[in-house]
């Protein structure tokens, strides 16, 4: 099974959060791209979209990148933020147990202002779901496409137009960091959000050699 990661970031965090990700869970993973605004980076893993580099531009980065990239060689496309820690092997094992031939939208489900999966906790689309999303964005006049200020909410608005989409919720996608006084989820979590440099190091020590 093949996974491609799309990571939202911006110029100020390429030398901090992205660096911490690369030193921990991204170590050994080559199938990913980092989405920023128009900053002119020479990093081959950074895709500079023709939009601003602020938070409000995140949905427009998704819009441009998805329209320009079919990603048909991957079974799953996983979206995370630059302060998200992923346990790649656990996530892969979980996704292996799902039917990747169906249009699936997987993550930590939130329900306001629409049904959507938390972007910071990370969410996953099967190849078929991504294709349905891309078809919608390619074939719909931009004046009729809804954009929220938040990238993950925007994704929830767009995915409603994917035919026969199935939403799958799991509380192992965590929208907040782990509290070390409670060790009940450290060994089963797929992701954590709002991760600091120190936590990237701490969680990195929990990774097996094969991640």
Protein backbone atom coordinates (compact mmCIF):
# COMPACT_ATOMS: atom_id res chain seq x y z
CA UNK A 1 0.00 0.00 0.00
CA UNK A 2 1.33 3.44 -0.94
CA UNK A 3 0.76 6.67 1.00
CA UNK A 4 1.46 10.25 -0.06
CA UNK A 5 1.58 13.00 2.57
CA UNK A 6 0.53 16.61 1.94
CA UNK A 7 1.82 18.92 4.67
CA UNK A 8 0.62 22.50 5.16
CA UNK A 9 3.36 24.90 6.19
CA UNK A 10 4.71 28.39 5.51
CA UNK A 11 8.07 30.11 5.24
CA UNK A 12 8.57 30.89 8.98
CA UNK A 13 8.19 27.22 9.91
CA UNK A 14 10.32 25.52 7.26
CA UNK A 15 13.39 25.80 9.50
CA UNK A 16 11.54 24.85 12.68
CA UNK A 17 8.45 22.63 12.47
CA UNK A 18 9.29 21.02 9.13
CA UNK A 19 12.84 20.43 10.31
CA UNK A 20 11.49 18.72 13.43
CA UNK A 21 9.17 16.55 11.35
CA UNK A 22 12.03 15.53 9.08
CA UNK A 23 14.15 14.59 12.07
CA UNK A 24 11.39 12.40 13.51
CA UNK A 25 8.43 10.80 11.77
CA UNK A 26 9.28 11.96 8.23
CA UNK A 27 12.72 10.39 8.49
CA UNK A 28 12.88 7.69 5.82
CA UNK A 29 9.65 8.83 4.11
CA UNK A 30 10.10 10.21 0.60
CA UNK A 31 6.50 10.41 -0.63
CA UNK A 32 5.42 13.82 0.61
CA UNK A 33 5.10 17.45 -0.39
CA UNK A 34 5.00 20.61 1.72
CA UNK A 35 2.54 23.29 0.60
CA UNK A 36 3.46 26.93 1.12
CA UNK A 37 2.48 30.15 -0.54
CA UNK A 38 4.55 31.94 -3.16
CA UNK A 39 7.88 32.09 -1.31
CA UNK A 40 10.31 30.87 -3.98
CA UNK A 41 11.82 27.96 -2.05
CA UNK A 42 14.45 25.80 -3.79
CA UNK A 43 13.62 22.79 -1.60
CA UNK A 44 12.37 20.06 -4.01
CA UNK A 45 9.87 18.89 -1.39
CA UNK A 46 8.30 22.34 -1.03
CA UNK A 47 5.57 23.29 -3.50
CA UNK A 48 5.14 27.07 -3.60
CA UNK A 49 1.60 27.82 -4.66
CA UNK A 50 0.73 31.06 -6.41
CA UNK A 51 -1.12 32.44 -3.37
CA UNK A 52 -0.23 34.14 -0.09
CA UNK A 53 1.79 32.43 2.62
CA UNK A 54 -0.60 33.24 5.46
CA UNK A 55 -3.13 31.05 7.24
CA UNK A 56 -6.06 32.31 5.18
CA UNK A 57 -4.40 31.08 1.99
CA UNK A 58 -4.34 27.42 3.06
CA UNK A 59 -7.61 26.46 1.29
CA UNK A 60 -6.35 28.10 -1.91
CA UNK A 61 -3.11 26.13 -1.68
CA UNK A 62 -5.19 22.94 -1.51
CA UNK A 63 -7.26 24.12 -4.46
CA UNK A 64 -4.26 24.81 -6.68
CA UNK A 65 -2.24 21.74 -5.74
CA UNK A 66 -5.09 19.25 -6.08
CA UNK A 67 -6.11 20.61 -9.46
CA UNK A 68 -2.51 20.31 -10.70
CA UNK A 69 -1.67 16.83 -9.32
CA UNK A 70 -3.60 13.60 -9.91
CA UNK A 71 -1.53 11.40 -7.49
CA UNK A 72 -2.96 8.31 -9.20
CA UNK A 73 0.01 6.15 -8.22
CA UNK A 74 -0.91 6.31 -4.51
CA UNK A 75 -3.57 4.34 -2.62
CA UNK A 76 -3.98 6.96 0.11
CA UNK A 77 -3.37 10.70 0.36
CA UNK A 78 -2.84 11.92 3.93
CA UNK A 79 -3.15 15.61 4.85
CA UNK A 80 -1.44 17.01 7.98
CA UNK A 81 -0.13 20.29 9.37
CA UNK A 82 3.51 21.16 10.05
CA UNK A 83 2.93 20.79 13.80
CA UNK A 84 1.42 17.31 13.45
CA UNK A 85 3.28 14.19 14.56
CA UNK A 86 2.40 10.97 12.75
CA UNK A 87 3.12 7.38 13.74
CA UNK A 88 3.47 6.19 10.12
CA UNK A 89 3.53 2.44 10.70
CA UNK A 90 0.47 2.51 12.96
CA UNK A 91 -1.39 4.65 10.46
CA UNK A 92 -0.42 2.39 7.58
CA UNK A 93 -1.55 -0.70 9.48
CA UNK A 94 -4.90 0.95 10.18
CA UNK A 95 -5.39 2.03 6.58
CA UNK A 96 -4.40 -1.45 5.41
CA UNK A 97 -7.51 -2.72 7.20
CA UNK A 98 -9.83 -0.43 5.23
CA UNK A 99 -11.09 -0.98 1.70
CA UNK A 100 -8.94 1.41 -0.33
CA UNK A 101 -10.98 0.70 -3.47
CA UNK A 102 -13.86 2.75 -1.99
CA UNK A 103 -14.14 6.55 -1.73
CA UNK A 104 -13.20 7.02 1.95
CA UNK A 105 -12.57 10.17 4.02
CA UNK A 106 -10.91 9.17 7.29
CA UNK A 107 -9.87 11.12 10.39
CA UNK A 108 -11.15 12.80 13.55
CA UNK A 109 -14.67 13.92 12.71
CA UNK A 110 -15.86 17.39 13.70
CA UNK A 111 -19.39 18.56 12.95
CA UNK A 112 -19.42 22.38 13.05
CA UNK A 113 -19.87 24.36 10.84
CA UNK A 114 -20.08 21.28 8.60
CA UNK A 115 -18.96 17.66 8.82
CA UNK A 116 -15.18 17.62 8.33
CA UNK A 117 -12.05 15.84 9.52
CA UNK A 118 -9.64 17.82 11.69
CA UNK A 119 -6.70 18.99 9.61
CA UNK A 120 -4.31 19.24 12.54
CA UNK A 121 -5.16 15.71 13.61
CA UNK A 122 -4.66 14.65 10.01
CA UNK A 123 -7.11 13.16 7.54
CA UNK A 124 -6.89 10.61 4.75
CA UNK A 125 -8.50 10.19 1.34
CA UNK A 126 -8.41 7.07 -0.76
CA UNK A 127 -7.30 7.37 -4.37
CA UNK A 128 -10.94 7.25 -5.51
CA UNK A 129 -12.00 9.93 -3.02
CA UNK A 130 -9.11 12.16 -4.09
CA UNK A 131 -10.06 11.65 -7.73
CA UNK A 132 -13.65 12.63 -6.96
CA UNK A 133 -12.42 15.73 -5.14
CA UNK A 134 -10.10 16.67 -8.01
CA UNK A 135 -12.84 16.15 -10.58
CA UNK A 136 -15.10 18.47 -8.60
CA UNK A 137 -12.43 21.20 -8.37
CA UNK A 138 -11.49 20.86 -12.03
CA UNK A 139 -15.03 20.88 -13.37
CA UNK A 140 -16.69 23.49 -11.15
CA UNK A 141 -16.45 27.21 -11.78
CA UNK A 142 -14.44 28.73 -8.93
CA UNK A 143 -17.26 31.22 -8.33
CA UNK A 144 -19.42 28.27 -7.19
CA UNK A 145 -16.79 26.64 -4.96
CA UNK A 146 -17.01 27.43 -1.24
CA UNK A 147 -13.89 28.48 0.67
CA UNK A 148 -13.75 28.72 4.45
CA UNK A 149 -10.91 30.47 6.27
CA UNK A 150 -9.82 27.04 7.54
CA UNK A 151 -8.35 24.45 5.18
CA UNK A 152 -9.93 21.47 6.92
CA UNK A 153 -13.40 23.03 7.01
CA UNK A 154 -13.03 23.89 3.34
CA UNK A 155 -12.16 20.27 2.63
CA UNK A 156 -15.34 19.22 4.41
CA UNK A 157 -17.36 21.52 2.18
CA UNK A 158 -15.71 20.16 -0.96
CA UNK A 159 -15.90 16.48 -0.08
CA UNK A 160 -19.69 16.68 0.01
CA UNK A 161 -19.48 16.62 -3.79
CA UNK A 162 -17.54 13.34 -3.95
CA UNK A 163 -19.93 10.61 -5.16
CA UNK A 164 -20.72 7.86 -2.62
CA UNK A 165 -18.19 9.15 -0.11
CA UNK A 166 -17.92 7.30 3.21
CA UNK A 167 -16.75 9.19 6.32
CA UNK A 168 -14.84 7.14 8.90
CA UNK A 169 -14.11 8.61 12.33
CA UNK A 170 -11.34 7.46 14.66
CA UNK A 171 -10.34 9.02 17.97
CA UNK A 172 -6.77 7.82 17.37
CA UNK A 173 -6.32 10.91 15.21
CA UNK A 174 -5.68 13.44 17.99
CA UNK A 175 -6.42 17.13 17.59
CA UNK A 176 -4.30 18.02 20.61
CA UNK A 177 -0.92 16.96 22.03
CA UNK A 178 -0.53 14.10 24.45
CA UNK A 179 -0.48 14.90 28.15
CA UNK A 180 2.37 12.91 29.63
CA UNK A 181 0.58 12.38 32.92
CA UNK A 182 -1.81 10.09 31.05
CA UNK A 183 -0.15 7.30 29.06
CA UNK A 184 -3.34 5.61 27.90
CA UNK A 185 -3.05 6.61 24.23
CA UNK A 186 0.67 7.03 23.52
CA UNK A 187 1.02 3.45 22.32
CA UNK A 188 -2.03 3.49 20.03
CA UNK A 189 -2.32 7.05 18.65
CA UNK A 190 -2.00 7.65 14.92
CA UNK A 191 -1.30 11.39 15.24
CA UNK A 192 -0.94 14.34 17.61
CA UNK A 193 -1.43 18.02 16.84
CA UNK A 194 0.11 21.20 18.29
CA UNK A 195 3.39 19.36 18.76
CA UNK A 196 6.38 21.35 20.03
CA UNK A 197 10.06 20.72 19.30
CA UNK A 198 10.44 18.85 22.57
CA UNK A 199 7.39 16.68 21.86
CA UNK A 200 8.64 15.89 18.34
CA UNK A 201 11.78 14.51 20.01
CA UNK A 202 9.79 12.65 22.67
CA UNK A 203 7.37 11.03 20.23
CA UNK A 204 10.24 10.25 17.86
CA UNK A 205 11.77 8.03 20.54
CA UNK A 206 8.56 5.94 20.49
CA UNK A 207 8.92 5.09 16.82
CA UNK A 208 10.11 1.61 15.88
CA UNK A 209 12.97 1.39 13.41
CA UNK A 210 10.49 0.87 10.59
CA UNK A 211 8.44 3.84 11.88
